[in-house]
Amino acid sequence: MRVLTESVQFKADAKLIEFIEQKIGKMDTFFDRIIEARVTLRLENSGQVRDKIAEVMLSVPGDNLFVKESEKTFEAAIDSAVDSLKRQLIRYKERQRDHM
């Protein structure tokens, strides 16, 4: 699986990109036919707190799974996104099994 990381209006450091690739890479244990993962990181300027937004789109055969999470840090946002994607992948696999 390819992991493509894009950061909007800032430069993500290598440590953050490595963390993302490690977390997203673990998704293979739930579903081994993931084609690619696209991760978009952006900063939200709402008031005084700058929230971090992580959007993750997984391309699986015949469908795309998408999740958008907003947290205080990118690491927390990626953790939340991975948890949501795990649930989506499990539901996707169950739907695939029901159609067979």
Protein backbone atom coordinates (compact mmCIF):
# COMPACT_ATOMS: atom_id res chain seq x y z
CA MET A 1 0.00 0.00 0.00
CA ARG A 2 1.23 3.48 -0.88
CA VAL A 3 0.87 6.27 1.67
CA LEU A 4 0.79 9.76 0.15
CA THR A 5 1.07 12.60 2.66
CA GLU A 6 0.29 16.21 1.80
CA SER A 7 0.59 19.16 4.16
CA VAL A 8 -1.27 22.35 3.28
CA GLN A 9 0.39 25.72 4.03
CA PHE A 10 3.16 24.23 6.19
CA LYS A 11 6.03 21.75 5.95
CA ALA A 12 5.52 18.48 7.84
CA ASP A 13 8.67 17.18 9.49
CA ALA A 14 10.06 13.71 8.81
CA LYS A 15 9.09 12.47 12.29
CA LEU A 16 5.40 13.27 11.68
CA ILE A 17 5.43 11.67 8.23
CA GLU A 18 7.08 8.54 9.65
CA PHE A 19 4.42 8.41 12.41
CA ILE A 20 1.64 8.65 9.80
CA GLU A 21 3.14 5.94 7.60
CA GLN A 22 3.53 3.65 10.61
CA LYS A 23 -0.07 4.14 11.77
CA ILE A 24 -1.62 3.87 8.31
CA GLY A 25 0.60 0.89 7.50
CA LYS A 26 -1.05 -1.05 10.31
CA MET A 27 -4.34 -0.88 8.40
CA ASP A 28 -3.04 -3.77 6.27
CA THR A 29 -3.74 -6.11 9.20
CA PHE A 30 -7.47 -5.38 8.86
CA PHE A 31 -7.70 -5.49 5.07
CA ASP A 32 -4.82 -6.54 2.85
CA ARG A 33 -6.18 -5.17 -0.45
CA ILE A 34 -5.87 -1.45 0.31
CA ILE A 35 -4.54 0.26 -2.82
CA GLU A 36 -3.35 3.55 -1.36
CA ALA A 37 -3.88 6.01 1.46
CA ARG A 38 -3.98 9.77 0.91
CA VAL A 39 -3.37 11.85 4.03
CA THR A 40 -3.97 15.61 3.99
CA LEU A 41 -2.82 17.69 6.95
CA ARG A 42 -3.98 21.25 7.46
CA LEU A 43 -4.20 23.92 10.14
CA GLU A 44 -7.55 25.42 11.08
CA ASN A 45 -7.54 29.03 12.16
CA SER A 46 -10.66 29.37 14.27
CA GLY A 47 -10.27 31.86 17.07
CA GLN A 48 -7.16 31.58 19.21
CA VAL A 49 -6.74 27.80 19.19
CA ARG A 50 -5.19 26.42 16.03
CA ASP A 51 -6.68 22.97 15.62
CA LYS A 52 -4.95 20.40 13.45
CA ILE A 53 -7.08 18.65 10.81
CA ALA A 54 -6.17 15.27 9.35
CA GLU A 55 -8.11 13.91 6.39
CA VAL A 56 -7.46 10.32 5.34
CA MET A 57 -8.84 8.65 2.23
CA LEU A 58 -8.26 4.93 1.74
CA SER A 59 -8.68 3.54 -1.76
CA VAL A 60 -10.00 -0.01 -1.66
CA PRO A 61 -11.25 -2.06 -4.62
CA GLY A 62 -14.49 -0.47 -5.80
CA ASP A 63 -14.75 2.18 -3.10
CA ASN A 64 -13.04 4.98 -1.15
CA LEU A 65 -13.20 5.28 2.63
CA PHE A 66 -12.85 8.82 4.00
CA VAL A 67 -12.46 10.28 7.46
CA LYS A 68 -11.76 13.81 8.71
CA GLU A 69 -10.61 14.41 12.27
CA SER A 70 -9.74 17.61 14.15
CA GLU A 71 -7.59 17.54 17.31
CA LYS A 72 -5.01 19.65 19.15
CA THR A 73 -2.10 17.69 17.61
CA PHE A 74 -1.66 15.90 14.30
CA GLU A 75 -0.72 12.70 16.15
CA ALA A 76 -4.03 12.69 18.05
CA ALA A 77 -5.95 13.47 14.85
CA ILE A 78 -4.25 10.57 13.02
CA ASP A 79 -5.00 8.21 15.95
CA SER A 80 -8.68 9.17 15.85
CA ALA A 81 -8.77 8.83 12.07
CA VAL A 82 -7.18 5.37 12.19
CA ASP A 83 -9.75 4.23 14.77
CA SER A 84 -12.61 5.43 12.54
CA LEU A 85 -11.05 3.83 9.48
CA LYS A 86 -10.72 0.49 11.29
CA ARG A 87 -14.47 0.47 11.90
CA GLN A 88 -15.15 1.48 8.28
CA LEU A 89 -12.84 -1.27 6.97
CA ILE A 90 -14.52 -3.92 9.11
CA ARG A 91 -17.96 -2.81 7.82
CA TYR A 92 -16.62 -2.77 4.24
CA LYS A 93 -15.29 -6.31 4.59
CA GLU A 94 -18.60 -7.52 6.03
CA ARG A 95 -20.48 -6.00 3.08
CA GLN A 96 -18.07 -7.70 0.68
CA ARG A 97 -18.64 -11.06 2.38
CA ASP A 98 -22.42 -10.63 2.28
CA HIS A 99 -22.35 -10.10 -1.50
CA MET A 100 -20.52 -13.36 -2.14
